[in-house]
Amino acid sequence: MQVEVDKFGRFVIPKTVRNHLGIKPGSMLELQEQDQKILLRLVDQKLPLQYQDGVLVYTAEATEGVNETAQKGCD
């Protein structure tokens, strides 16, 4: 598939590709240059607050282990 780059360095990702990958306005893409290629990767942008089975749930990655967190709670 070929796309044309405009005078500002922009190009359009075809709608069929955007739909297939779930790219929507505001989606973040990671761009990497590798061996004369440009690689684009859709960045997972899960919101920390989401409804699950009608309940608002906060999800995040742990920044430290369970033992360290428990120890801080005891201090």
PDB file of N, CA and C in Angstrom:
ATOM      1  N   MET A   1       0.854  -1.161   0.000  1.00  0.00           N
ATOM      2  CA  MET A   1       0.000   0.000   0.000  1.00  0.00           C
ATOM      3  C   MET A   1       0.905   1.230   0.000  1.00  0.00           C
ATOM      4  N   GLN A   2       0.624   2.167  -0.854  1.00  0.00           N
ATOM      5  CA  GLN A   2       1.404   3.393  -0.926  1.00  0.00           C
ATOM      6  C   GLN A   2       0.544   4.574  -0.510  1.00  0.00           C
ATOM      7  N   VAL A   3       1.140   5.511   0.213  1.00  0.00           N
ATOM      8  CA  VAL A   3       0.477   6.752   0.581  1.00  0.00           C
ATOM      9  C   VAL A   3       1.419   7.896   0.235  1.00  0.00           C
ATOM     10  N   GLU A   4       0.841   9.042  -0.045  1.00  0.00           N
ATOM     11  CA  GLU A   4       1.644  10.203  -0.436  1.00  0.00           C
ATOM     12  C   GLU A   4       1.872  11.118   0.764  1.00  0.00           C
ATOM     13  N   VAL A   5       3.091  11.617   0.879  1.00  0.00           N
ATOM     14  CA  VAL A   5       3.452  12.559   1.935  1.00  0.00           C
ATOM     15  C   VAL A   5       3.248  13.965   1.378  1.00  0.00           C
ATOM     16  N   ASP A   6       2.542  14.820   2.145  1.00  0.00           N
ATOM     17  CA  ASP A   6       2.306  16.187   1.665  1.00  0.00           C
ATOM     18  C   ASP A   6       3.496  17.090   1.997  1.00  0.00           C
ATOM     19  N   LYS A   7       3.402  18.359   1.626  1.00  0.00           N
ATOM     20  CA  LYS A   7       4.540  19.278   1.793  1.00  0.00           C
ATOM     21  C   LYS A   7       4.882  19.541   3.258  1.00  0.00           C
ATOM     22  N   PHE A   8       3.998  19.192   4.175  1.00  0.00           N
ATOM     23  CA  PHE A   8       4.254  19.356   5.601  1.00  0.00           C
ATOM     24  C   PHE A   8       4.782  18.071   6.246  1.00  0.00           C
ATOM     25  N   GLY A   9       4.987  17.022   5.455  1.00  0.00           N
ATOM     26  CA  GLY A   9       5.495  15.755   5.976  1.00  0.00           C
ATOM     27  C   GLY A   9       4.417  14.848   6.524  1.00  0.00           C
ATOM     28  N   ARG A  10       3.162  15.138   6.236  1.00  0.00           N
ATOM     29  CA  ARG A  10       2.044  14.340   6.755  1.00  0.00           C
ATOM     30  C   ARG A  10       1.571  13.332   5.710  1.00  0.00           C
ATOM     31  N   PHE A  11       0.967  12.271   6.201  1.00  0.00           N
ATOM     32  CA  PHE A  11       0.303  11.313   5.325  1.00  0.00           C
ATOM     33  C   PHE A  11      -0.927  10.791   6.048  1.00  0.00           C
ATOM     34  N   VAL A  12      -1.842  10.216   5.291  1.00  0.00           N
ATOM     35  CA  VAL A  12      -3.087   9.693   5.854  1.00  0.00           C
ATOM     36  C   VAL A  12      -2.991   8.180   5.964  1.00  0.00           C
ATOM     37  N   ILE A  13      -3.311   7.663   7.140  1.00  0.00           N
ATOM     38  CA  ILE A  13      -3.428   6.218   7.310  1.00  0.00           C
ATOM     39  C   ILE A  13      -4.802   5.848   6.758  1.00  0.00           C
ATOM     40  N   PRO A  14      -4.856   4.971   5.769  1.00  0.00           N
ATOM     41  CA  PRO A  14      -6.144   4.638   5.151  1.00  0.00           C
ATOM     42  C   PRO A  14      -7.184   4.179   6.176  1.00  0.00           C
ATOM     43  N   LYS A  15      -8.439   4.520   5.910  1.00  0.00           N
ATOM     44  CA  LYS A  15      -9.533   4.227   6.828  1.00  0.00           C
ATOM     45  C   LYS A  15      -9.632   2.742   7.158  1.00  0.00           C
ATOM     46  N   THR A  16      -9.420   1.879   6.174  1.00  0.00           N
ATOM     47  CA  THR A  16      -9.518   0.442   6.433  1.00  0.00           C
ATOM     48  C   THR A  16      -8.484  -0.001   7.468  1.00  0.00           C
ATOM     49  N   VAL A  17      -7.281   0.577   7.411  1.00  0.00           N
ATOM     50  CA  VAL A  17      -6.230   0.250   8.380  1.00  0.00           C
ATOM     51  C   VAL A  17      -6.592   0.824   9.744  1.00  0.00           C
ATOM     52  N   ARG A  18      -7.051   2.089   9.785  1.00  0.00           N
ATOM     53  CA  ARG A  18      -7.448   2.703  11.059  1.00  0.00           C
ATOM     54  C   ARG A  18      -8.548   1.894  11.731  1.00  0.00           C
ATOM     55  N   ASN A  19      -9.546   1.492  10.959  1.00  0.00           N
ATOM     56  CA  ASN A  19     -10.645   0.701  11.523  1.00  0.00           C
ATOM     57  C   ASN A  19     -10.158  -0.648  12.038  1.00  0.00           C
ATOM     58  N   HIS A  20      -9.315  -1.310  11.263  1.00  0.00           N
ATOM     59  CA  HIS A  20      -8.808  -2.630  11.647  1.00  0.00           C
ATOM     60  C   HIS A  20      -8.007  -2.565  12.944  1.00  0.00           C
ATOM     61  N   LEU A  21      -7.221  -1.491  13.128  1.00  0.00           N
ATOM     62  CA  LEU A  21      -6.357  -1.364  14.302  1.00  0.00           C
ATOM     63  C   LEU A  21      -7.011  -0.605  15.452  1.00  0.00           C
ATOM     64  N   GLY A  22      -8.194  -0.036  15.195  1.00  0.00           N
ATOM     65  CA  GLY A  22      -8.881   0.714  16.250  1.00  0.00           C
ATOM     66  C   GLY A  22      -8.284   2.096  16.494  1.00  0.00           C
ATOM     67  N   ILE A  23      -7.666   2.675  15.479  1.00  0.00           N
ATOM     68  CA  ILE A  23      -7.090   4.014  15.608  1.00  0.00           C
ATOM     69  C   ILE A  23      -8.207   5.031  15.439  1.00  0.00           C
ATOM     70  N   LYS A  24      -8.353   5.887  16.451  1.00  0.00           N
ATOM     71  CA  LYS A  24      -9.401   6.900  16.465  1.00  0.00           C
ATOM     72  C   LYS A  24      -8.758   8.261  16.692  1.00  0.00           C
ATOM     73  N   PRO A  25      -9.488   9.360  16.454  1.00  0.00           N
ATOM     74  CA  PRO A  25      -8.933  10.681  16.772  1.00  0.00           C
ATOM     75  C   PRO A  25      -8.469  10.719  18.223  1.00  0.00           C
ATOM     76  N   GLY A  26      -7.262  11.201  18.443  1.00  0.00           N
ATOM     77  CA  GLY A  26      -6.693  11.248  19.787  1.00  0.00           C
ATOM     78  C   GLY A  26      -5.855  10.036  20.147  1.00  0.00           C
ATOM     79  N   SER A  27      -5.890   8.981  19.322  1.00  0.00           N
ATOM     80  CA  SER A  27      -5.057   7.806  19.580  1.00  0.00           C
ATOM     81  C   SER A  27      -3.589   8.205  19.517  1.00  0.00           C
ATOM     82  N   MET A  28      -2.784   7.554  20.332  1.00  0.00           N
ATOM     83  CA  MET A  28      -1.340   7.806  20.331  1.00  0.00           C
ATOM     84  C   MET A  28      -0.640   6.691  19.564  1.00  0.00           C
ATOM     85  N   LEU A  29       0.303   7.086  18.717  1.00  0.00           N
ATOM     86  CA  LEU A  29       1.118   6.142  17.974  1.00  0.00           C
ATOM     87  C   LEU A  29       2.573   6.340  18.359  1.00  0.00           C
ATOM     88  N   GLU A  30       3.295   5.255  18.494  1.00  0.00           N
ATOM     89  CA  GLU A  30       4.736   5.321  18.725  1.00  0.00           C
ATOM     90  C   GLU A  30       5.419   5.160  17.377  1.00  0.00           C
ATOM     91  N   LEU A  31       6.352   6.041  17.068  1.00  0.00           N
ATOM     92  CA  LEU A  31       7.065   6.007  15.799  1.00  0.00           C
ATOM     93  C   LEU A  31       8.510   5.613  16.063  1.00  0.00           C
ATOM     94  N   GLN A  32       9.010   4.653  15.299  1.00  0.00           N
ATOM     95  CA  GLN A  32      10.402   4.225  15.403  1.00  0.00           C
ATOM     96  C   GLN A  32      11.003   4.180  14.009  1.00  0.00           C
ATOM     97  N   GLU A  33      12.254   4.578  13.922  1.00  0.00           N
ATOM     98  CA  GLU A  33      13.001   4.461  12.667  1.00  0.00           C
ATOM     99  C   GLU A  33      13.906   3.248  12.799  1.00  0.00           C
ATOM    100  N   GLN A  34      13.850   2.356  11.807  1.00  0.00           N
ATOM    101  CA  GLN A  34      14.624   1.115  11.911  1.00  0.00           C
ATOM    102  C   GLN A  34      14.994   0.639  10.517  1.00  0.00           C
ATOM    103  N   ASP A  35      16.284   0.577  10.233  1.00  0.00           N
ATOM    104  CA  ASP A  35      16.778   0.034   8.961  1.00  0.00           C
ATOM    105  C   ASP A  35      16.057   0.624   7.755  1.00  0.00           C
ATOM    106  N   GLN A  36      16.066   1.943   7.651  1.00  0.00           N
ATOM    107  CA  GLN A  36      15.430   2.642   6.530  1.00  0.00           C
ATOM    108  C   GLN A  36      13.917   2.426   6.460  1.00  0.00           C
ATOM    109  N   LYS A  37      13.313   2.078   7.606  1.00  0.00           N
ATOM    110  CA  LYS A  37      11.867   1.875   7.684  1.00  0.00           C
ATOM    111  C   LYS A  37      11.309   2.742   8.799  1.00  0.00           C
ATOM    112  N   ILE A  38      10.052   3.099   8.669  1.00  0.00           N
ATOM    113  CA  ILE A  38       9.335   3.788   9.727  1.00  0.00           C
ATOM    114  C   ILE A  38       8.310   2.799  10.274  1.00  0.00           C
ATOM    115  N   LEU A  39       8.369   2.539  11.571  1.00  0.00           N
ATOM    116  CA  LEU A  39       7.431   1.627  12.216  1.00  0.00           C
ATOM    117  C   LEU A  39       6.481   2.437  13.090  1.00  0.00           C
ATOM    118  N   LEU A  40       5.193   2.222  12.934  1.00  0.00           N
ATOM    119  CA  LEU A  40       4.193   2.859  13.773  1.00  0.00           C
ATOM    120  C   LEU A  40       3.524   1.788  14.611  1.00  0.00           C
ATOM    121  N   ARG A  41       3.343   2.089  15.903  1.00  0.00           N
ATOM    122  CA  ARG A  41       2.685   1.141  16.799  1.00  0.00           C
ATOM    123  C   ARG A  41       1.647   1.894  17.601  1.00  0.00           C
ATOM    124  N   LEU A  42       0.455   1.343  17.680  1.00  0.00           N
ATOM    125  CA  LEU A  42      -0.611   1.936  18.468  1.00  0.00           C
ATOM    126  C   LEU A  42      -0.282   1.755  19.942  1.00  0.00           C
ATOM    127  N   VAL A  43      -0.262   2.850  20.683  1.00  0.00           N
ATOM    128  CA  VAL A  43       0.035   2.816  22.114  1.00  0.00           C
ATOM    129  C   VAL A  43      -1.255   2.518  22.852  1.00  0.00           C
ATOM    130  N   ASP A  44      -1.214   1.525  23.740  1.00  0.00           N
ATOM    131  CA  ASP A  44      -2.381   1.163  24.536  1.00  0.00           C
ATOM    132  C   ASP A  44      -2.684   2.304  25.494  1.00  0.00           C
ATOM    133  N   GLN A  45      -3.873   2.865  25.390  1.00  0.00           N
ATOM    134  CA  GLN A  45      -4.236   4.009  26.205  1.00  0.00           C
ATOM    135  C   GLN A  45      -5.438   3.700  27.076  1.00  0.00           C
ATOM    136  N   LYS A  46      -5.350   2.660  27.859  1.00  0.00           N
ATOM    137  CA  LYS A  46      -6.457   2.328  28.740  1.00  0.00           C
ATOM    138  C   LYS A  46      -6.572   3.392  29.826  1.00  0.00           C
ATOM    139  N   LEU A  47      -7.752   3.854  30.031  1.00  0.00           N
ATOM    140  CA  LEU A  47      -7.985   4.816  31.091  1.00  0.00           C
ATOM    141  C   LEU A  47      -7.961   4.101  32.428  1.00  0.00           C
ATOM    142  N   PRO A  48      -7.422   4.741  33.477  1.00  0.00           N
ATOM    143  CA  PRO A  48      -7.346   4.055  34.765  1.00  0.00           C
ATOM    144  C   PRO A  48      -8.723   3.801  35.387  1.00  0.00           C
ATOM    145  N   LEU A  49      -9.730   4.593  35.011  1.00  0.00           N
ATOM    146  CA  LEU A  49     -11.088   4.377  35.519  1.00  0.00           C
ATOM    147  C   LEU A  49     -11.964   3.858  34.392  1.00  0.00           C
ATOM    148  N   GLN A  50     -12.521   2.679  34.572  1.00  0.00           N
ATOM    149  CA  GLN A  50     -13.391   2.077  33.573  1.00  0.00           C
ATOM    150  C   GLN A  50     -14.531   1.354  34.275  1.00  0.00           C
ATOM    151  N   TYR A  51     -15.669   1.311  33.591  1.00  0.00           N
ATOM    152  CA  TYR A  51     -16.801   0.552  34.124  1.00  0.00           C
ATOM    153  C   TYR A  51     -16.641  -0.914  33.766  1.00  0.00           C
ATOM    154  N   GLN A  52     -16.792  -1.771  34.757  1.00  0.00           N
ATOM    155  CA  GLN A  52     -16.779  -3.215  34.551  1.00  0.00           C
ATOM    156  C   GLN A  52     -17.991  -3.785  35.266  1.00  0.00           C
ATOM    157  N   ASP A  53     -18.906  -4.340  34.505  1.00  0.00           N
ATOM    158  CA  ASP A  53     -20.143  -4.899  35.057  1.00  0.00           C
ATOM    159  C   ASP A  53     -20.909  -3.865  35.888  1.00  0.00           C
ATOM    160  N   GLY A  54     -20.922  -2.625  35.411  1.00  0.00           N
ATOM    161  CA  GLY A  54     -21.672  -1.569  36.075  1.00  0.00           C
ATOM    162  C   GLY A  54     -20.994  -0.943  37.274  1.00  0.00           C
ATOM    163  N   VAL A  55     -19.743  -1.340  37.550  1.00  0.00           N
ATOM    164  CA  VAL A  55     -18.999  -0.805  38.695  1.00  0.00           C
ATOM    165  C   VAL A  55     -17.788  -0.048  38.165  1.00  0.00           C
ATOM    166  N   LEU A  56     -17.546   1.155  38.701  1.00  0.00           N
ATOM    167  CA  LEU A  56     -16.380   1.925  38.304  1.00  0.00           C
ATOM    168  C   LEU A  56     -15.150   1.337  38.997  1.00  0.00           C
ATOM    169  N   VAL A  57     -14.165   0.902  38.188  1.00  0.00           N
ATOM    170  CA  VAL A  57     -12.981   0.214  38.705  1.00  0.00           C
ATOM    171  C   VAL A  57     -11.733   0.997  38.313  1.00  0.00           C
ATOM    172  N   TYR A  58     -10.822   1.198  39.272  1.00  0.00           N
ATOM    173  CA  TYR A  58      -9.542   1.852  39.022  1.00  0.00           C
ATOM    174  C   TYR A  58      -8.492   0.775  38.797  1.00  0.00           C
ATOM    175  N   THR A  59      -7.762   0.874  37.686  1.00  0.00           N
ATOM    176  CA  THR A  59      -6.696  -0.082  37.407  1.00  0.00           C
ATOM    177  C   THR A  59      -5.413   0.680  37.109  1.00  0.00           C
ATOM    178  N   ALA A  60      -4.310   0.180  37.596  1.00  0.00           N
ATOM    179  CA  ALA A  60      -3.006   0.791  37.351  1.00  0.00           C
ATOM    180  C   ALA A  60      -1.934  -0.260  37.573  1.00  0.00           C
ATOM    181  N   GLU A  61      -0.730   0.060  37.106  1.00  0.00           N
ATOM    182  CA  GLU A  61       0.390  -0.846  37.326  1.00  0.00           C
ATOM    183  C   GLU A  61       1.046  -0.525  38.662  1.00  0.00           C
ATOM    184  N   ALA A  62       1.486  -1.553  39.339  1.00  0.00           N
ATOM    185  CA  ALA A  62       2.179  -1.359  40.611  1.00  0.00           C
ATOM    186  C   ALA A  62       3.557  -0.763  40.354  1.00  0.00           C
ATOM    187  N   THR A  63       3.945   0.189  41.186  1.00  0.00           N
ATOM    188  CA  THR A  63       5.268   0.794  41.057  1.00  0.00           C
ATOM    189  C   THR A  63       6.286   0.133  41.968  1.00  0.00           C
ATOM    190  N   GLU A  64       5.807  -0.715  42.874  1.00  0.00           N
ATOM    191  CA  GLU A  64       6.701  -1.465  43.751  1.00  0.00           C
ATOM    192  C   GLU A  64       6.017  -2.761  44.139  1.00  0.00           C
ATOM    193  N   GLY A  65       6.756  -3.623  44.797  1.00  0.00           N
ATOM    194  CA  GLY A  65       6.221  -4.919  45.166  1.00  0.00           C
ATOM    195  C   GLY A  65       5.246  -4.855  46.333  1.00  0.00           C
ATOM    196  N   VAL A  66       4.496  -5.927  46.513  1.00  0.00           N
ATOM    197  CA  VAL A  66       3.504  -6.016  47.579  1.00  0.00           C
ATOM    198  C   VAL A  66       4.165  -5.877  48.939  1.00  0.00           C
ATOM    199  N   ASN A  67       5.314  -6.509  49.146  1.00  0.00           N
ATOM    200  CA  ASN A  67       6.002  -6.453  50.444  1.00  0.00           C
ATOM    201  C   ASN A  67       6.396  -5.023  50.804  1.00  0.00           C
ATOM    202  N   GLU A  68       6.919  -4.267  49.839  1.00  0.00           N
ATOM    203  CA  GLU A  68       7.319  -2.885  50.094  1.00  0.00           C
ATOM    204  C   GLU A  68       6.112  -2.031  50.453  1.00  0.00           C
ATOM    205  N   THR A  69       5.002  -2.230  49.765  1.00  0.00           N
ATOM    206  CA  THR A  69       3.789  -1.468  50.028  1.00  0.00           C
ATOM    207  C   THR A  69       3.252  -1.804  51.410  1.00  0.00           C
ATOM    208  N   ALA A  70       3.238  -3.075  51.758  1.00  0.00           N
ATOM    209  CA  ALA A  70       2.749  -3.494  53.073  1.00  0.00           C
ATOM    210  C   ALA A  70       3.626  -2.930  54.176  1.00  0.00           C
ATOM    211  N   GLN A  71       4.924  -2.920  53.946  1.00  0.00           N
ATOM    212  CA  GLN A  71       5.855  -2.401  54.954  1.00  0.00           C
ATOM    213  C   GLN A  71       5.615  -0.905  55.186  1.00  0.00           C
ATOM    214  N   LYS A  72       5.359  -0.146  54.134  1.00  0.00           N
ATOM    215  CA  LYS A  72       5.077   1.281  54.273  1.00  0.00           C
ATOM    216  C   LYS A  72       3.803   1.502  55.098  1.00  0.00           C
ATOM    217  N   GLY A  73       2.831   0.619  54.928  1.00  0.00           N
ATOM    218  CA  GLY A  73       1.583   0.735  55.670  1.00  0.00           C
ATOM    219  C   GLY A  73       1.767   0.476  57.156  1.00  0.00           C
ATOM    220  N   CYS A  74       2.821  -0.273  57.531  1.00  0.00           N
ATOM    221  CA  CYS A  74       3.094  -0.592  58.932  1.00  0.00           C
ATOM    222  C   CYS A  74       3.960   0.449  59.613  1.00  0.00           C
ATOM    223  N   ASP A  75       4.592   1.306  58.845  1.00  0.00           N
ATOM    224  CA  ASP A  75       5.503   2.321  59.434  1.00  0.00           C
ATOM    225  C   ASP A  75       4.760   3.480  60.029  1.00  0.00           C
TER     226      ASP A  75
END
